[in-house]
């Protein structure tokens, strides 16, 4: 069974053209374009802020973490040496 298709007449194409060229459609397109532009700028600046925060974290806190790790290793080494030598472990 063949499906029925409606055929557009010349007056239908004129209606579509008039609606798509109407001022309200142009304003809607402009608003959508402006919204997309603002969203793109917001995402870009948010990404930059996240990058700056990440780099700041690395610069400020990673050396502290490494230093604490080094201190913990030295404490463990002292405990191992003291147990090998038979001396009481250092008080902490």
PDB file of N, CA and C in Angstrom:
ATOM      1  N   UNK A   1       0.837  -1.151   0.000  1.00  0.00           N
ATOM      2  CA  UNK A   1       0.000   0.000   0.000  1.00  0.00           C
ATOM      3  C   UNK A   1       0.897   1.234   0.000  1.00  0.00           C
ATOM      4  N   UNK A   2       0.713   2.066  -0.907  1.00  0.00           N
ATOM      5  CA  UNK A   2       1.554   3.247  -1.059  1.00  0.00           C
ATOM      6  C   UNK A   2       1.109   4.320  -0.074  1.00  0.00           C
ATOM      7  N   UNK A   3       2.100   4.965   0.523  1.00  0.00           N
ATOM      8  CA  UNK A   3       1.750   6.033   1.456  1.00  0.00           C
ATOM      9  C   UNK A   3       1.429   7.299   0.678  1.00  0.00           C
ATOM     10  N   UNK A   4       0.549   8.080   1.249  1.00  0.00           N
ATOM     11  CA  UNK A   4       0.144   9.312   0.582  1.00  0.00           C
ATOM     12  C   UNK A   4       1.058  10.432   1.043  1.00  0.00           C
ATOM     13  N   UNK A   5       1.580  11.174   0.134  1.00  0.00           N
ATOM     14  CA  UNK A   5       2.421  12.325   0.439  1.00  0.00           C
ATOM     15  C   UNK A   5       1.663  13.579   0.061  1.00  0.00           C
ATOM     16  N   UNK A   6       1.748  14.538   0.934  1.00  0.00           N
ATOM     17  CA  UNK A   6       1.098  15.794   0.576  1.00  0.00           C
ATOM     18  C   UNK A   6       2.050  16.585  -0.295  1.00  0.00           C
ATOM     19  N   UNK A   7       1.528  17.140  -1.325  1.00  0.00           N
ATOM     20  CA  UNK A   7       2.352  17.926  -2.232  1.00  0.00           C
ATOM     21  C   UNK A   7       2.241  19.386  -1.835  1.00  0.00           C
ATOM     22  N   UNK A   8       3.361  20.045  -1.821  1.00  0.00           N
ATOM     23  CA  UNK A   8       3.340  21.470  -1.500  1.00  0.00           C
ATOM     24  C   UNK A   8       2.978  22.267  -2.747  1.00  0.00           C
ATOM     25  N   UNK A   9       2.131  23.152  -2.534  1.00  0.00           N
ATOM     26  CA  UNK A   9       1.772  24.033  -3.625  1.00  0.00           C
ATOM     27  C   UNK A   9       2.627  25.283  -3.571  1.00  0.00           C
ATOM     28  N   UNK A  10       2.533  26.136  -4.557  1.00  0.00           N
ATOM     29  CA  UNK A  10       3.326  27.361  -4.579  1.00  0.00           C
ATOM     30  C   UNK A  10       3.030  28.273  -3.395  1.00  0.00           C
ATOM     31  N   UNK A  11       1.819  28.225  -2.882  1.00  0.00           N
ATOM     32  CA  UNK A  11       1.491  29.095  -1.757  1.00  0.00           C
ATOM     33  C   UNK A  11       2.155  28.604  -0.478  1.00  0.00           C
ATOM     34  N   UNK A  12       2.367  27.278  -0.319  1.00  0.00           N
ATOM     35  CA  UNK A  12       3.025  26.732   0.868  1.00  0.00           C
ATOM     36  C   UNK A  12       4.479  27.184   0.935  1.00  0.00           C
ATOM     37  N   UNK A  13       5.171  27.209  -0.183  1.00  0.00           N
ATOM     38  CA  UNK A  13       6.565  27.633  -0.182  1.00  0.00           C
ATOM     39  C   UNK A  13       6.683  29.107   0.174  1.00  0.00           C
ATOM     40  N   UNK A  14       5.720  29.882  -0.220  1.00  0.00           N
ATOM     41  CA  UNK A  14       5.719  31.293   0.131  1.00  0.00           C
ATOM     42  C   UNK A  14       5.543  31.498   1.628  1.00  0.00           C
ATOM     43  N   UNK A  15       4.725  30.646   2.248  1.00  0.00           N
ATOM     44  CA  UNK A  15       4.498  30.741   3.687  1.00  0.00           C
ATOM     45  C   UNK A  15       5.774  30.394   4.436  1.00  0.00           C
ATOM     46  N   UNK A  16       6.439  29.325   4.012  1.00  0.00           N
ATOM     47  CA  UNK A  16       7.692  28.910   4.660  1.00  0.00           C
ATOM     48  C   UNK A  16       8.751  30.000   4.522  1.00  0.00           C
ATOM     49  N   UNK A  17       8.850  30.572   3.350  1.00  0.00           N
ATOM     50  CA  UNK A  17       9.834  31.630   3.129  1.00  0.00           C
ATOM     51  C   UNK A  17       9.510  32.854   3.969  1.00  0.00           C
ATOM     52  N   UNK A  18       8.246  33.204   4.045  1.00  0.00           N
ATOM     53  CA  UNK A  18       7.865  34.381   4.851  1.00  0.00           C
ATOM     54  C   UNK A  18       8.142  34.145   6.334  1.00  0.00           C
ATOM     55  N   UNK A  19       7.850  32.949   6.818  1.00  0.00           N
ATOM     56  CA  UNK A  19       8.084  32.654   8.242  1.00  0.00           C
ATOM     57  C   UNK A  19       9.575  32.638   8.541  1.00  0.00           C
ATOM     58  N   UNK A  20      10.366  31.991   7.682  1.00  0.00           N
ATOM     59  CA  UNK A  20      11.806  31.899   7.961  1.00  0.00           C
ATOM     60  C   UNK A  20      12.502  33.245   7.800  1.00  0.00           C
ATOM     61  N   UNK A  21      11.927  34.152   7.054  1.00  0.00           N
ATOM     62  CA  UNK A  21      12.521  35.484   6.902  1.00  0.00           C
ATOM     63  C   UNK A  21      11.875  36.521   7.814  1.00  0.00           C
ATOM     64  N   UNK A  22      10.990  36.083   8.702  1.00  0.00           N
ATOM     65  CA  UNK A  22      10.306  37.039   9.561  1.00  0.00           C
ATOM     66  C   UNK A  22      11.267  37.576  10.626  1.00  0.00           C
ATOM     67  N   UNK A  23      10.894  38.715  11.183  1.00  0.00           N
ATOM     68  CA  UNK A  23      11.762  39.387  12.172  1.00  0.00           C
ATOM     69  C   UNK A  23      11.896  38.566  13.446  1.00  0.00           C
ATOM     70  N   UNK A  24      10.843  37.899  13.858  1.00  0.00           N
ATOM     71  CA  UNK A  24      10.894  37.118  15.100  1.00  0.00           C
ATOM     72  C   UNK A  24      11.861  35.933  14.949  1.00  0.00           C
ATOM     73  N   UNK A  25      11.906  35.317  13.786  1.00  0.00           N
ATOM     74  CA  UNK A  25      12.832  34.209  13.544  1.00  0.00           C
ATOM     75  C   UNK A  25      14.266  34.732  13.530  1.00  0.00           C
ATOM     76  N   UNK A  26      14.464  35.906  12.913  1.00  0.00           N
ATOM     77  CA  UNK A  26      15.805  36.501  12.893  1.00  0.00           C
ATOM     78  C   UNK A  26      16.273  36.834  14.305  1.00  0.00           C
ATOM     79  N   UNK A  27      15.362  37.363  15.137  1.00  0.00           N
ATOM     80  CA  UNK A  27      15.717  37.683  16.517  1.00  0.00           C
ATOM     81  C   UNK A  27      16.044  36.405  17.298  1.00  0.00           C
ATOM     82  N   UNK A  28      15.298  35.354  17.055  1.00  0.00           N
ATOM     83  CA  UNK A  28      15.563  34.069  17.716  1.00  0.00           C
ATOM     84  C   UNK A  28      16.917  33.507  17.331  1.00  0.00           C
ATOM     85  N   UNK A  29      17.245  33.588  16.031  1.00  0.00           N
ATOM     86  CA  UNK A  29      18.555  33.113  15.571  1.00  0.00           C
ATOM     87  C   UNK A  29      19.677  33.935  16.188  1.00  0.00           C
ATOM     88  N   UNK A  30      19.471  35.263  16.255  1.00  0.00           N
ATOM     89  CA  UNK A  30      20.470  36.145  16.842  1.00  0.00           C
ATOM     90  C   UNK A  30      20.667  35.818  18.331  1.00  0.00           C
ATOM     91  N   UNK A  31      19.559  35.594  19.034  1.00  0.00           N
ATOM     92  CA  UNK A  31      19.628  35.266  20.457  1.00  0.00           C
ATOM     93  C   UNK A  31      20.347  33.932  20.676  1.00  0.00           C
ATOM     94  N   UNK A  32      20.056  32.962  19.827  1.00  0.00           N
ATOM     95  CA  UNK A  32      20.709  31.661  19.940  1.00  0.00           C
ATOM     96  C   UNK A  32      22.200  31.787  19.659  1.00  0.00           C
ATOM     97  N   UNK A  33      22.550  32.588  18.676  1.00  0.00           N
ATOM     98  CA  UNK A  33      23.953  32.809  18.357  1.00  0.00           C
ATOM     99  C   UNK A  33      24.681  33.500  19.499  1.00  0.00           C
ATOM    100  N   UNK A  34      24.047  34.518  20.084  1.00  0.00           N
ATOM    101  CA  UNK A  34      24.649  35.217  21.226  1.00  0.00           C
ATOM    102  C   UNK A  34      24.820  34.282  22.414  1.00  0.00           C
ATOM    103  N   UNK A  35      23.825  33.447  22.671  1.00  0.00           N
ATOM    104  CA  UNK A  35      23.901  32.498  23.784  1.00  0.00           C
ATOM    105  C   UNK A  35      25.043  31.501  23.566  1.00  0.00           C
ATOM    106  N   UNK A  36      25.196  31.036  22.339  1.00  0.00           N
ATOM    107  CA  UNK A  36      26.282  30.106  22.036  1.00  0.00           C
ATOM    108  C   UNK A  36      27.638  30.778  22.226  1.00  0.00           C
ATOM    109  N   UNK A  37      27.755  32.030  21.828  1.00  0.00           N
ATOM    110  CA  UNK A  37      29.005  32.772  21.975  1.00  0.00           C
ATOM    111  C   UNK A  37      29.366  32.944  23.451  1.00  0.00           C
ATOM    112  N   UNK A  38      28.385  33.329  24.267  1.00  0.00           N
ATOM    113  CA  UNK A  38      28.627  33.525  25.698  1.00  0.00           C
ATOM    114  C   UNK A  38      28.982  32.197  26.363  1.00  0.00           C
ATOM    115  N   UNK A  39      28.287  31.140  25.989  1.00  0.00           N
ATOM    116  CA  UNK A  39      28.573  29.819  26.553  1.00  0.00           C
ATOM    117  C   UNK A  39      29.987  29.381  26.205  1.00  0.00           C
ATOM    118  N   UNK A  40      30.401  29.614  24.975  1.00  0.00           N
ATOM    119  CA  UNK A  40      31.752  29.246  24.556  1.00  0.00           C
ATOM    120  C   UNK A  40      32.796  30.020  25.355  1.00  0.00           C
ATOM    121  N   UNK A  41      32.578  31.323  25.546  1.00  0.00           N
ATOM    122  CA  UNK A  41      33.517  32.124  26.336  1.00  0.00           C
ATOM    123  C   UNK A  41      33.549  31.660  27.789  1.00  0.00           C
ATOM    124  N   UNK A  42      32.386  31.339  28.337  1.00  0.00           N
ATOM    125  CA  UNK A  42      32.308  30.878  29.722  1.00  0.00           C
ATOM    126  C   UNK A  42      33.052  29.560  29.899  1.00  0.00           C
ATOM    127  N   UNK A  43      32.849  28.639  28.976  1.00  0.00           N
ATOM    128  CA  UNK A  43      33.551  27.358  29.065  1.00  0.00           C
ATOM    129  C   UNK A  43      35.053  27.539  28.923  1.00  0.00           C
ATOM    130  N   UNK A  44      35.463  28.429  28.025  1.00  0.00           N
ATOM    131  CA  UNK A  44      36.887  28.673  27.836  1.00  0.00           C
ATOM    132  C   UNK A  44      37.498  29.269  29.107  1.00  0.00           C
ATOM    133  N   UNK A  45      36.835  30.258  29.700  1.00  0.00           N
ATOM    134  CA  UNK A  45      37.385  30.888  30.903  1.00  0.00           C
ATOM    135  C   UNK A  45      37.343  29.929  32.085  1.00  0.00           C
ATOM    136  N   UNK A  46      36.322  29.077  32.158  1.00  0.00           N
ATOM    137  CA  UNK A  46      36.264  28.078  33.218  1.00  0.00           C
ATOM    138  C   UNK A  46      37.409  27.084  33.071  1.00  0.00           C
ATOM    139  N   UNK A  47      37.691  26.697  31.837  1.00  0.00           N
ATOM    140  CA  UNK A  47      38.811  25.787  31.586  1.00  0.00           C
ATOM    141  C   UNK A  47      40.135  26.416  31.975  1.00  0.00           C
ATOM    142  N   UNK A  48      40.297  27.688  31.654  1.00  0.00           N
ATOM    143  CA  UNK A  48      41.526  28.386  32.033  1.00  0.00           C
ATOM    144  C   UNK A  48      41.656  28.459  33.544  1.00  0.00           C
ATOM    145  N   UNK A  49      40.553  28.749  34.224  1.00  0.00           N
ATOM    146  CA  UNK A  49      40.578  28.831  35.692  1.00  0.00           C
ATOM    147  C   UNK A  49      40.928  27.475  36.300  1.00  0.00           C
ATOM    148  N   UNK A  50      40.382  26.408  35.750  1.00  0.00           N
ATOM    149  CA  UNK A  50      40.690  25.067  36.247  1.00  0.00           C
ATOM    150  C   UNK A  50      42.162  24.741  36.012  1.00  0.00           C
ATOM    151  N   UNK A  51      42.694  25.125  34.865  1.00  0.00           N
ATOM    152  CA  UNK A  51      44.103  24.879  34.566  1.00  0.00           C
ATOM    153  C   UNK A  51      44.986  25.649  35.549  1.00  0.00           C
ATOM    154  N   UNK A  52      44.657  26.905  35.796  1.00  0.00           N
ATOM    155  CA  UNK A  52      45.442  27.721  36.729  1.00  0.00           C
ATOM    156  C   UNK A  52      45.378  27.123  38.133  1.00  0.00           C
ATOM    157  N   UNK A  53      44.202  26.685  38.555  1.00  0.00           N
ATOM    158  CA  UNK A  53      44.066  26.084  39.885  1.00  0.00           C
ATOM    159  C   UNK A  53      44.885  24.802  39.985  1.00  0.00           C
ATOM    160  N   UNK A  54      44.876  23.998  38.940  1.00  0.00           N
ATOM    161  CA  UNK A  54      45.656  22.755  38.942  1.00  0.00           C
ATOM    162  C   UNK A  54      47.148  23.014  39.009  1.00  0.00           C
ATOM    163  N   UNK A  55      47.620  23.960  38.221  1.00  0.00           N
ATOM    164  CA  UNK A  55      49.042  24.287  38.229  1.00  0.00           C
ATOM    165  C   UNK A  55      49.443  24.868  39.585  1.00  0.00           C
ATOM    166  N   UNK A  56      48.587  25.721  40.153  1.00  0.00           N
ATOM    167  CA  UNK A  56      48.869  26.298  41.472  1.00  0.00           C
ATOM    168  C   UNK A  56      48.968  25.201  42.521  1.00  0.00           C
ATOM    169  N   UNK A  57      48.069  24.231  42.456  1.00  0.00           N
ATOM    170  CA  UNK A  57      48.125  23.102  43.385  1.00  0.00           C
ATOM    171  C   UNK A  57      49.450  22.362  43.251  1.00  0.00           C
ATOM    172  N   UNK A  58      49.852  22.097  42.017  1.00  0.00           N
ATOM    173  CA  UNK A  58      51.107  21.378  41.803  1.00  0.00           C
ATOM    174  C   UNK A  58      52.300  22.157  42.344  1.00  0.00           C
ATOM    175  N   UNK A  59      52.318  23.448  42.088  1.00  0.00           N
ATOM    176  CA  UNK A  59      53.454  24.264  42.520  1.00  0.00           C
ATOM    177  C   UNK A  59      53.502  24.384  44.040  1.00  0.00           C
ATOM    178  N   UNK A  60      52.354  24.553  44.682  1.00  0.00           N
ATOM    179  CA  UNK A  60      52.341  24.793  46.118  1.00  0.00           C
ATOM    180  C   UNK A  60      52.402  23.527  46.960  1.00  0.00           C
ATOM    181  N   UNK A  61      51.685  22.478  46.571  1.00  0.00           N
ATOM    182  CA  UNK A  61      51.514  21.361  47.478  1.00  0.00           C
ATOM    183  C   UNK A  61      52.335  20.124  47.150  1.00  0.00           C
ATOM    184  N   UNK A  62      52.706  19.909  45.924  1.00  0.00           N
ATOM    185  CA  UNK A  62      53.485  18.712  45.605  1.00  0.00           C
ATOM    186  C   UNK A  62      54.841  18.725  46.309  1.00  0.00           C
ATOM    187  N   UNK A  63      55.571  19.851  46.356  1.00  0.00           N
ATOM    188  CA  UNK A  63      56.829  19.815  47.118  1.00  0.00           C
ATOM    189  C   UNK A  63      56.606  19.493  48.600  1.00  0.00           C
ATOM    190  N   UNK A  64      55.500  19.935  49.183  1.00  0.00           N
ATOM    191  CA  UNK A  64      55.205  19.602  50.579  1.00  0.00           C
ATOM    192  C   UNK A  64      54.942  18.117  50.739  1.00  0.00           C
ATOM    193  N   UNK A  65      54.219  17.540  49.805  1.00  0.00           N
ATOM    194  CA  UNK A  65      53.920  16.113  49.865  1.00  0.00           C
ATOM    195  C   UNK A  65      55.201  15.310  49.718  1.00  0.00           C
ATOM    196  N   UNK A  66      56.064  15.718  48.805  1.00  0.00           N
ATOM    197  CA  UNK A  66      57.333  15.012  48.602  1.00  0.00           C
ATOM    198  C   UNK A  66      58.185  15.123  49.854  1.00  0.00           C
ATOM    199  N   UNK A  67      58.203  16.309  50.475  1.00  0.00           N
ATOM    200  CA  UNK A  67      58.989  16.505  51.688  1.00  0.00           C
ATOM    201  C   UNK A  67      58.462  15.636  52.822  1.00  0.00           C
ATOM    202  N   UNK A  68      57.152  15.547  52.968  1.00  0.00           N
ATOM    203  CA  UNK A  68      56.575  14.706  54.016  1.00  0.00           C
ATOM    204  C   UNK A  68      56.905  13.248  53.750  1.00  0.00           C
ATOM    205  N   UNK A  69      56.875  12.833  52.504  1.00  0.00           N
ATOM    206  CA  UNK A  69      57.213  11.463  52.147  1.00  0.00           C
ATOM    207  C   UNK A  69      58.669  11.181  52.477  1.00  0.00           C
ATOM    208  N   UNK A  70      59.553  12.118  52.187  1.00  0.00           N
ATOM    209  CA  UNK A  70      60.969  11.965  52.481  1.00  0.00           C
ATOM    210  C   UNK A  70      61.188  11.850  53.992  1.00  0.00           C
ATOM    211  N   UNK A  71      60.486  12.658  54.756  1.00  0.00           N
ATOM    212  CA  UNK A  71      60.611  12.614  56.217  1.00  0.00           C
ATOM    213  C   UNK A  71      60.116  11.281  56.760  1.00  0.00           C
ATOM    214  N   UNK A  72      59.037  10.770  56.206  1.00  0.00           N
ATOM    215  CA  UNK A  72      58.523   9.469  56.625  1.00  0.00           C
ATOM    216  C   UNK A  72      59.529   8.374  56.311  1.00  0.00           C
ATOM    217  N   UNK A  73      60.175   8.448  55.163  1.00  0.00           N
ATOM    218  CA  UNK A  73      61.184   7.450  54.801  1.00  0.00           C
ATOM    219  C   UNK A  73      62.367   7.501  55.769  1.00  0.00           C
ATOM    220  N   UNK A  74      62.779   8.712  56.146  1.00  0.00           N
ATOM    221  CA  UNK A  74      63.878   8.835  57.107  1.00  0.00           C
ATOM    222  C   UNK A  74      63.485   8.258  58.467  1.00  0.00           C
ATOM    223  N   UNK A  75      62.270   8.492  58.899  1.00  0.00           N
ATOM    224  CA  UNK A  75      61.798   7.920  60.164  1.00  0.00           C
ATOM    225  C   UNK A  75      61.803   6.399  60.120  1.00  0.00           C
ATOM    226  N   UNK A  76      61.340   5.836  59.023  1.00  0.00           N
ATOM    227  CA  UNK A  76      61.335   4.376  58.879  1.00  0.00           C
ATOM    228  C   UNK A  76      62.757   3.827  58.862  1.00  0.00           C
ATOM    229  N   UNK A  77      63.662   4.531  58.202  1.00  0.00           N
ATOM    230  CA  UNK A  77      65.058   4.097  58.147  1.00  0.00           C
ATOM    231  C   UNK A  77      65.676   4.117  59.542  1.00  0.00           C
ATOM    232  N   UNK A  78      65.382   5.156  60.318  1.00  0.00           N
ATOM    233  CA  UNK A  78      65.890   5.221  61.689  1.00  0.00           C
ATOM    234  C   UNK A  78      65.363   4.064  62.524  1.00  0.00           C
ATOM    235  N   UNK A  79      64.099   3.737  62.367  1.00  0.00           N
ATOM    236  CA  UNK A  79      63.513   2.613  63.100  1.00  0.00           C
ATOM    237  C   UNK A  79      64.183   1.295  62.717  1.00  0.00           C
ATOM    238  N   UNK A  80      64.437   1.105  61.430  1.00  0.00           N
ATOM    239  CA  UNK A  80      65.091  -0.122  60.974  1.00  0.00           C
ATOM    240  C   UNK A  80      66.504  -0.212  61.532  1.00  0.00           C
ATOM    241  N   UNK A  81      67.247   0.881  61.484  1.00  0.00           N
ATOM    242  CA  UNK A  81      68.617   0.880  61.986  1.00  0.00           C
ATOM    243  C   UNK A  81      68.650   0.622  63.478  1.00  0.00           C
ATOM    244  N   UNK A  82      67.738   1.242  64.199  1.00  0.00           N
ATOM    245  CA  UNK A  82      67.734   1.053  65.648  1.00  0.00           C
ATOM    246  C   UNK A  82      67.376  -0.382  66.010  1.00  0.00           C
ATOM    247  N   UNK A  83      66.479  -1.007  65.246  1.00  0.00           N
ATOM    248  CA  UNK A  83      66.129  -2.395  65.546  1.00  0.00           C
ATOM    249  C   UNK A  83      67.280  -3.332  65.200  1.00  0.00           C
ATOM    250  N   UNK A  84      68.053  -3.019  64.166  1.00  0.00           N
ATOM    251  CA  UNK A  84      69.211  -3.847  63.805  1.00  0.00           C
ATOM    252  C   UNK A  84      70.325  -3.728  64.833  1.00  0.00           C
ATOM    253  N   UNK A  85      70.521  -2.549  65.359  1.00  0.00           N
ATOM    254  CA  UNK A  85      71.578  -2.323  66.329  1.00  0.00           C
ATOM    255  C   UNK A  85      71.165  -2.720  67.731  1.00  0.00           C
ATOM    256  N   UNK A  86      69.922  -2.996  67.949  1.00  0.00           N
ATOM    257  CA  UNK A  86      69.454  -3.426  69.258  1.00  0.00           C
ATOM    258  C   UNK A  86      69.217  -2.286  70.214  1.00  0.00           C
ATOM    259  N   UNK A  87      69.228  -1.074  69.725  1.00  0.00           N
ATOM    260  CA  UNK A  87      68.962   0.052  70.605  1.00  0.00           C
ATOM    261  C   UNK A  87      67.462   0.314  70.625  1.00  0.00           C
ATOM    262  N   UNK A  88      66.987   0.908  71.704  1.00  0.00           N
ATOM    263  CA  UNK A  88      65.549   1.206  71.733  1.00  0.00           C
ATOM    264  C   UNK A  88      65.181   2.201  70.647  1.00  0.00           C
ATOM    265  N   UNK A  89      64.001   2.059  70.074  1.00  0.00           N
ATOM    266  CA  UNK A  89      63.602   2.996  68.997  1.00  0.00           C
ATOM    267  C   UNK A  89      63.487   4.407  69.542  1.00  0.00           C
ATOM    268  N   UNK A  90      63.792   5.406  68.700  1.00  0.00           N
ATOM    269  CA  UNK A  90      63.679   6.784  69.156  1.00  0.00           C
ATOM    270  C   UNK A  90      62.244   7.159  69.452  1.00  0.00           C
ATOM    271  N   UNK A  91      62.076   7.988  70.459  1.00  0.00           N
ATOM    272  CA  UNK A  91      60.715   8.406  70.801  1.00  0.00           C
ATOM    273  C   UNK A  91      60.202   9.394  69.761  1.00  0.00           C
ATOM    274  N   UNK A  92      58.909   9.322  69.510  1.00  0.00           N
ATOM    275  CA  UNK A  92      58.355  10.200  68.484  1.00  0.00           C
ATOM    276  C   UNK A  92      57.432  11.203  69.034  1.00  0.00           C
TER     277      UNK A  92
END
